[in-house]
C-alpha atoms as a PDB file:
ATOM      1  CA  MET A   1      17.188 -29.493  15.924  1.00  0.00           C
ATOM      2  CA  SER A   2      20.961 -29.839  15.793  1.00  0.00           C
ATOM      3  CA  GLN A   3      22.807 -27.575  13.420  1.00  0.00           C
ATOM      4  CA  PRO A   4      22.419 -29.198   9.982  1.00  0.00           C
ATOM      5  CA  SER A   5      25.733 -30.208   8.471  1.00  0.00           C
ATOM      6  CA  GLN A   6      25.022 -28.119   5.354  1.00  0.00           C
ATOM      7  CA  CYS A   7      24.947 -24.861   7.386  1.00  0.00           C
ATOM      8  CA  HIS A   8      28.175 -22.952   6.882  1.00  0.00           C
ATOM      9  CA  ARG A   9      29.745 -21.209   9.854  1.00  0.00           C
ATOM     10  CA  ILE A  10      28.588 -17.778   8.677  1.00  0.00           C
ATOM     11  CA  ASP A  11      25.088 -19.059   7.946  1.00  0.00           C
ATOM     12  CA  THR A  12      22.082 -19.602  10.145  1.00  0.00           C
ATOM     13  CA  CYS A  13      19.382 -22.251  10.074  1.00  0.00           C
ATOM     14  CA  ALA A  14      15.766 -21.148  10.238  1.00  0.00           C
ATOM     15  CA  ILE A  15      12.344 -22.795  10.122  1.00  0.00           C
ATOM     16  CA  ILE A  16       9.588 -21.410   7.912  1.00  0.00           C
ATOM     17  CA  ALA A  17       5.929 -22.464   7.893  1.00  0.00           C
ATOM     18  CA  LEU A  18       3.990 -22.082   4.645  1.00  0.00           C
ATOM     19  CA  GLY A  19       0.237 -21.836   4.143  1.00  0.00           C
ATOM     20  CA  SER A  20      -2.175 -21.100   1.301  1.00  0.00           C
ATOM     21  CA  ASN A  21      -5.940 -21.388   0.846  1.00  0.00           C
ATOM     22  CA  VAL A  22      -6.575 -19.050  -2.109  1.00  0.00           C
ATOM     23  CA  THR A  23      -5.520 -19.440  -5.733  1.00  0.00           C
ATOM     24  CA  SER A  24      -2.590 -17.217  -6.712  1.00  0.00           C
ATOM     25  CA  ARG A  25      -1.107 -16.328 -10.066  1.00  0.00           C
ATOM     26  CA  HIS A  26       0.880 -19.554  -9.653  1.00  0.00           C
ATOM     27  CA  GLY A  27      -2.227 -21.722  -9.442  1.00  0.00           C
ATOM     28  CA  SER A  28      -4.068 -23.659  -6.760  1.00  0.00           C
ATOM     29  CA  PRO A  29      -2.961 -23.522  -3.104  1.00  0.00           C
ATOM     30  CA  LYS A  30      -1.047 -26.782  -3.623  1.00  0.00           C
ATOM     31  CA  SER A  31       0.731 -25.393  -6.697  1.00  0.00           C
ATOM     32  CA  THR A  32       1.349 -22.145  -4.843  1.00  0.00           C
ATOM     33  CA  ILE A  33       3.069 -23.901  -1.927  1.00  0.00           C
ATOM     34  CA  ASN A  34       5.213 -26.039  -4.236  1.00  0.00           C
ATOM     35  CA  THR A  35       6.249 -22.978  -6.250  1.00  0.00           C
ATOM     36  CA  ALA A  36       6.917 -20.992  -3.077  1.00  0.00           C
ATOM     37  CA  ILE A  37       9.275 -23.708  -1.810  1.00  0.00           C
ATOM     38  CA  THR A  38      11.142 -23.423  -5.113  1.00  0.00           C
ATOM     39  CA  SER A  39      11.279 -19.637  -4.637  1.00  0.00           C
ATOM     40  CA  LEU A  40      12.873 -20.155  -1.216  1.00  0.00           C
ATOM     41  CA  ASN A  41      15.899 -21.626  -3.002  1.00  0.00           C
ATOM     42  CA  ASN A  42      17.598 -18.461  -4.210  1.00  0.00           C
ATOM     43  CA  ASP A  43      20.788 -16.430  -3.838  1.00  0.00           C
ATOM     44  CA  SER A  44      20.032 -15.731  -0.167  1.00  0.00           C
ATOM     45  CA  LEU A  45      18.395 -18.968   1.005  1.00  0.00           C
ATOM     46  CA  ILE A  46      18.922 -22.702   0.615  1.00  0.00           C
ATOM     47  CA  VAL A  47      16.189 -25.198   1.511  1.00  0.00           C
ATOM     48  CA  LEU A  48      17.680 -28.081   3.499  1.00  0.00           C
ATOM     49  CA  ALA A  49      14.490 -29.993   4.229  1.00  0.00           C
ATOM     50  CA  GLU A  50      10.823 -29.808   3.271  1.00  0.00           C
ATOM     51  CA  SER A  51       7.863 -31.547   4.846  1.00  0.00           C
ATOM     52  CA  ARG A  52       4.999 -33.275   3.131  1.00  0.00           C
ATOM     53  CA  LEU A  53       2.087 -31.068   2.114  1.00  0.00           C
ATOM     54  CA  TYR A  54      -0.931 -31.178   4.412  1.00  0.00           C
ATOM     55  CA  SER A  55      -4.578 -30.190   4.130  1.00  0.00           C
ATOM     56  CA  THR A  56      -5.778 -28.319   7.215  1.00  0.00           C
ATOM     57  CA  PRO A  57      -9.167 -26.834   8.153  1.00  0.00           C
ATOM     58  CA  CYS A  58      -9.274 -23.042   7.977  1.00  0.00           C
ATOM     59  CA  MET A  59      -8.802 -21.236  11.286  1.00  0.00           C
ATOM     60  CA  PRO A  60     -11.245 -20.236  12.671  1.00  0.00           C
ATOM     61  CA  ILE A  61     -13.321 -23.203  11.492  1.00  0.00           C
ATOM     62  CA  GLY A  62     -15.689 -22.296   8.670  1.00  0.00           C
ATOM     63  CA  ALA A  63     -13.994 -18.979   7.877  1.00  0.00           C
ATOM     64  CA  GLY A  64     -12.815 -20.115   4.436  1.00  0.00           C
ATOM     65  CA  PRO A  65     -11.392 -22.950   2.320  1.00  0.00           C
ATOM     66  CA  ASP A  66      -9.029 -25.511   3.790  1.00  0.00           C
ATOM     67  CA  TYR A  67      -5.361 -24.611   3.834  1.00  0.00           C
ATOM     68  CA  ILE A  68      -2.400 -26.367   2.293  1.00  0.00           C
ATOM     69  CA  ASN A  69       0.444 -26.262   4.825  1.00  0.00           C
ATOM     70  CA  ALA A  70       4.104 -27.230   4.878  1.00  0.00           C
ATOM     71  CA  VAL A  71       7.315 -26.500   6.788  1.00  0.00           C
ATOM     72  CA  VAL A  72      10.830 -26.048   5.463  1.00  0.00           C
ATOM     73  CA  VAL A  73      14.238 -25.788   7.105  1.00  0.00           C
ATOM     74  CA  ILE A  74      16.558 -23.322   5.403  1.00  0.00           C
ATOM     75  CA  THR A  75      20.062 -22.001   5.776  1.00  0.00           C
ATOM     76  CA  THR A  76      20.806 -18.351   5.131  1.00  0.00           C
ATOM     77  CA  GLY A  77      23.408 -15.659   5.638  1.00  0.00           C
ATOM     78  CA  LEU A  78      20.677 -13.066   6.170  1.00  0.00           C
ATOM     79  CA  SER A  79      19.895 -11.560   9.546  1.00  0.00           C
ATOM     80  CA  ALA A  80      16.494 -12.363  11.066  1.00  0.00           C
ATOM     81  CA  SER A  81      15.038  -8.997  10.022  1.00  0.00           C
ATOM     82  CA  ALA A  82      16.460  -9.281   6.512  1.00  0.00           C
ATOM     83  CA  LEU A  83      15.075 -12.817   6.236  1.00  0.00           C
ATOM     84  CA  LEU A  84      11.633 -11.561   7.260  1.00  0.00           C
ATOM     85  CA  SER A  85      11.856  -8.878   4.558  1.00  0.00           C
ATOM     86  CA  GLU A  86      12.778 -11.543   2.012  1.00  0.00           C
ATOM     87  CA  LEU A  87       9.797 -13.662   3.054  1.00  0.00           C
ATOM     88  CA  ASN A  88       7.515 -10.631   2.695  1.00  0.00           C
ATOM     89  CA  ARG A  89       8.956  -9.994  -0.771  1.00  0.00           C
ATOM     90  CA  ILE A  90       8.200 -13.559  -1.842  1.00  0.00           C
ATOM     91  CA  GLU A  91       4.675 -13.312  -0.406  1.00  0.00           C
ATOM     92  CA  ALA A  92       4.092 -10.180  -2.505  1.00  0.00           C
ATOM     93  CA  GLU A  93       5.154 -12.081  -5.635  1.00  0.00           C
ATOM     94  CA  PHE A  94       2.342 -14.506  -4.832  1.00  0.00           C
ATOM     95  CA  ASP A  95      -0.280 -11.724  -4.570  1.00  0.00           C
ATOM     96  CA  ARG A  96      -0.446 -11.720  -0.767  1.00  0.00           C
ATOM     97  CA  GLN A  97      -2.811  -9.045   0.526  1.00  0.00           C
ATOM     98  CA  ARG A  98      -2.904  -8.161   4.228  1.00  0.00           C
ATOM     99  CA  THR A  99      -6.483  -7.279   5.136  1.00  0.00           C
ATOM    100  CA  ASN A 100      -8.258  -8.813   8.111  1.00  0.00           C
ATOM    101  CA  ARG A 101      -6.399 -10.828  10.731  1.00  0.00           C
ATOM    102  CA  TRP A 102      -6.552 -14.567   9.853  1.00  0.00           C
ATOM    103  CA  ALA A 103      -8.147 -13.741   6.480  1.00  0.00           C
ATOM    104  CA  ALA A 104      -7.832 -16.141   3.536  1.00  0.00           C
ATOM    105  CA  ARG A 105      -4.511 -15.729   1.772  1.00  0.00           C
ATOM    106  CA  THR A 106      -2.642 -16.735  -1.341  1.00  0.00           C
ATOM    107  CA  LEU A 107       0.589 -17.341   0.584  1.00  0.00           C
ATOM    108  CA  ASP A 108       1.674 -17.065   4.193  1.00  0.00           C
ATOM    109  CA  LEU A 109       5.352 -17.457   5.113  1.00  0.00           C
ATOM    110  CA  ASP A 110       5.872 -17.467   8.882  1.00  0.00           C
ATOM    111  CA  LEU A 111       9.350 -17.336  10.376  1.00  0.00           C
ATOM    112  CA  ILE A 112       9.024 -19.935  13.149  1.00  0.00           C
ATOM    113  CA  ASP A 113      12.584 -20.099  14.438  1.00  0.00           C
ATOM    114  CA  TYR A 114      15.884 -18.388  13.659  1.00  0.00           C
ATOM    115  CA  ASN A 115      18.772 -20.385  15.076  1.00  0.00           C
ATOM    116  CA  GLY A 116      17.084 -20.645  18.475  1.00  0.00           C
ATOM    117  CA  GLN A 117      17.048 -16.883  18.934  1.00  0.00           C
ATOM    118  CA  ILE A 118      14.621 -15.222  21.390  1.00  0.00           C
ATOM    119  CA  TYR A 119      13.779 -11.811  19.927  1.00  0.00           C
ATOM    120  CA  PRO A 120      13.520  -9.024  20.887  1.00  0.00           C
ATOM    121  CA  ASP A 121      13.632 -10.440  24.429  1.00  0.00           C
ATOM    122  CA  ALA A 122      11.949 -13.032  26.660  1.00  0.00           C
ATOM    123  CA  ASN A 123       9.470 -10.558  28.174  1.00  0.00           C
ATOM    124  CA  VAL A 124       8.128  -9.385  24.813  1.00  0.00           C
ATOM    125  CA  TYR A 125       7.983 -12.960  23.568  1.00  0.00           C
ATOM    126  CA  SER A 126       5.998 -14.014  26.673  1.00  0.00           C
ATOM    127  CA  LYS A 127       3.541 -11.142  26.244  1.00  0.00           C
ATOM    128  CA  TRP A 128       2.631 -12.332  22.739  1.00  0.00           C
ATOM    129  CA  ARG A 129       2.662 -16.017  23.650  1.00  0.00           C
ATOM    130  CA  ASP A 130       0.183 -15.422  26.483  1.00  0.00           C
ATOM    131  CA  LEU A 131      -2.172 -13.201  24.469  1.00  0.00           C
ATOM    132  CA  SER A 132      -5.819 -14.253  24.821  1.00  0.00           C
ATOM    133  CA  VAL A 133      -7.535 -15.891  21.839  1.00  0.00           C
ATOM    134  CA  ASP A 134      -9.855 -12.893  21.504  1.00  0.00           C
ATOM    135  CA  LEU A 135      -6.915 -10.503  21.241  1.00  0.00           C
ATOM    136  CA  GLN A 136      -5.047 -12.829  18.871  1.00  0.00           C
ATOM    137  CA  ALA A 137      -7.913 -12.470  16.385  1.00  0.00           C
ATOM    138  CA  HIS A 138      -7.515  -8.686  16.236  1.00  0.00           C
ATOM    139  CA  THR A 139      -3.947  -7.903  17.248  1.00  0.00           C
ATOM    140  CA  ALA A 140      -0.650  -8.476  15.472  1.00  0.00           C
ATOM    141  CA  PRO A 141       2.819  -7.434  16.624  1.00  0.00           C
ATOM    142  CA  ASP A 142       4.474  -4.551  14.801  1.00  0.00           C
ATOM    143  CA  GLN A 143       7.888  -6.173  15.139  1.00  0.00           C
ATOM    144  CA  LEU A 144       9.474  -9.571  14.636  1.00  0.00           C
ATOM    145  CA  ILE A 145       8.855 -11.973  17.549  1.00  0.00           C
ATOM    146  CA  LEU A 146      11.002 -15.094  17.847  1.00  0.00           C
ATOM    147  CA  PRO A 147      10.319 -17.900  18.238  1.00  0.00           C
ATOM    148  CA  HIS A 148       6.838 -17.635  16.720  1.00  0.00           C
ATOM    149  CA  PRO A 149       4.508 -17.218  19.746  1.00  0.00           C
ATOM    150  CA  ARG A 150       1.898 -19.722  18.514  1.00  0.00           C
ATOM    151  CA  ILE A 151       4.067 -22.752  17.641  1.00  0.00           C
ATOM    152  CA  GLN A 152       2.893 -24.815  20.604  1.00  0.00           C
ATOM    153  CA  ASP A 153      -0.784 -24.217  19.745  1.00  0.00           C
ATOM    154  CA  ARG A 154      -0.823 -25.092  16.065  1.00  0.00           C
ATOM    155  CA  ALA A 155      -1.060 -28.638  14.793  1.00  0.00           C
ATOM    156  CA  PHE A 156      -0.776 -27.332  11.225  1.00  0.00           C
ATOM    157  CA  VAL A 157       2.761 -26.183  12.083  1.00  0.00           C
ATOM    158  CA  LEU A 158       3.841 -28.980  14.425  1.00  0.00           C
ATOM    159  CA  VAL A 159       2.683 -31.894  12.243  1.00  0.00           C
ATOM    160  CA  PRO A 160       4.810 -30.876   9.214  1.00  0.00           C
ATOM    161  CA  LEU A 161       7.604 -29.685  11.511  1.00  0.00           C
ATOM    162  CA  CYS A 162       7.810 -33.217  12.900  1.00  0.00           C
ATOM    163  CA  ASP A 163       8.405 -34.456   9.351  1.00  0.00           C
ATOM    164  CA  VAL A 164      11.674 -32.549   9.130  1.00  0.00           C
ATOM    165  CA  ALA A 165      12.816 -31.699  12.684  1.00  0.00           C
ATOM    166  CA  PRO A 166      10.941 -33.709  15.341  1.00  0.00           C
ATOM    167  CA  ASN A 167      13.680 -33.096  17.898  1.00  0.00           C
ATOM    168  CA  TRP A 168      13.858 -29.337  17.355  1.00  0.00           C
ATOM    169  CA  ALA A 169      13.736 -27.798  20.837  1.00  0.00           C
ATOM    170  CA  HIS A 170      11.697 -24.695  21.598  1.00  0.00           C
ATOM    171  CA  PRO A 171      14.187 -21.970  22.632  1.00  0.00           C
ATOM    172  CA  VAL A 172      12.072 -20.907  25.637  1.00  0.00           C
ATOM    173  CA  THR A 173      10.425 -24.076  26.970  1.00  0.00           C
ATOM    174  CA  GLY A 174      12.940 -26.663  25.812  1.00  0.00           C
ATOM    175  CA  GLN A 175      10.124 -28.912  24.593  1.00  0.00           C
ATOM    176  CA  THR A 176      10.721 -30.710  21.325  1.00  0.00           C
ATOM    177  CA  ALA A 177       8.399 -30.446  18.349  1.00  0.00           C
ATOM    178  CA  ARG A 178       7.342 -34.035  18.994  1.00  0.00           C
ATOM    179  CA  GLN A 179       6.534 -33.281  22.645  1.00  0.00           C
ATOM    180  CA  MET A 180       4.511 -30.183  21.771  1.00  0.00           C
ATOM    181  CA  LEU A 181       2.573 -32.130  19.154  1.00  0.00           C
ATOM    182  CA  GLY A 182       1.840 -34.867  21.678  1.00  0.00           C
ATOM    183  CA  ALA A 183       0.319 -32.291  24.041  1.00  0.00           C
ATOM    184  CA  LEU A 184      -2.279 -31.109  21.510  1.00  0.00           C
ATOM    185  CA  PRO A 185      -5.840 -32.489  21.342  1.00  0.00           C
ATOM    186  CA  LEU A 186      -5.976 -35.616  19.173  1.00  0.00           C
ATOM    187  CA  ASP A 187      -8.776 -34.137  17.052  1.00  0.00           C
ATOM    188  CA  ASP A 188      -6.596 -31.132  16.170  1.00  0.00           C
ATOM    189  CA  VAL A 189      -3.749 -33.394  15.071  1.00  0.00           C
ATOM    190  CA  ALA A 190      -6.015 -35.758  13.104  1.00  0.00           C
ATOM    191  CA  ALA A 191      -7.451 -32.817  11.160  1.00  0.00           C
ATOM    192  CA  VAL A 192      -4.027 -32.157   9.575  1.00  0.00           C
ATOM    193  CA  LYS A 193      -4.035 -34.660   6.707  1.00  0.00           C
ATOM    194  CA  PRO A 194      -1.060 -35.401   4.412  1.00  0.00           C
ATOM    195  CA  ILE A 195      -1.665 -34.957   0.685  1.00  0.00           C
ATOM    196  CA  SER A 196       1.851 -35.757  -0.546  1.00  0.00           C
ATOM    197  CA  ALA A 197       3.776 -38.932   0.010  1.00  0.00           C
ATOM    198  CA  GLN A 198       7.147 -38.175   1.572  1.00  0.00           C
ATOM    199  CA  ALA A 199       9.107 -35.415   3.239  1.00  0.00           C
ATOM    200  CA  LEU A 200      12.455 -34.462   1.722  1.00  0.00           C
ATOM    201  CA  VAL A 201      15.084 -34.337   4.452  1.00  0.00           C
ATOM    202  CA  LYS A 202      18.716 -33.862   3.584  1.00  0.00           C
ATOM    203  CA  THR A 203      21.498 -35.221   5.776  1.00  0.00           C
ATOM    204  CA  GLY A 204      21.766 -33.628   9.213  1.00  0.00           C
ATOM    205  CA  THR A 205      18.354 -31.945   9.495  1.00  0.00           C
ATOM    206  CA  GLU A 206      16.321 -34.590  11.249  1.00  0.00           C
ATOM    207  CA  GLU A 207      17.568 -33.889  14.790  1.00  0.00           C
END
């Protein structure tokens, strides 16, 4: 993804994935995601592009209701850690409770990318990227990891990401969102079904 023209020099562009499969105080998962996107436009953040909404089977399969997923591109003057704190604050406003790993949730806001930064370093990133599926189900990092270690595995992130930034390049592998999506099993991609008509992409965010 090239730097969107709306990003000011002192600002940074970031990608955030949204998910919900439990009713919150703001309504159904669909209403929750739409309201959360509105909440991401505030004094600290500006939404530059938002994907369509998608219905996605719960992971692991059968563990709960289907999710509503989306991806947004934002610009912000916040640091990566401050942005993560802001996302956690918004999640709390939507009744997010952290219980079991991969449990149903009212709102999940995942920081996918922060201006192409690899954080805290390539070795730590690689450790979490290469974690076995069994360990993923029970283990979560106690610090921010960038880019998100599971981007390349998740159709429910890559499908909406391709709505708004198909040419975004992974900071470690160099693969684009479109290339990573093309490497996933067709059944995984087909299971991510659009439920809204059109992505909203402002000038300069599609590359």
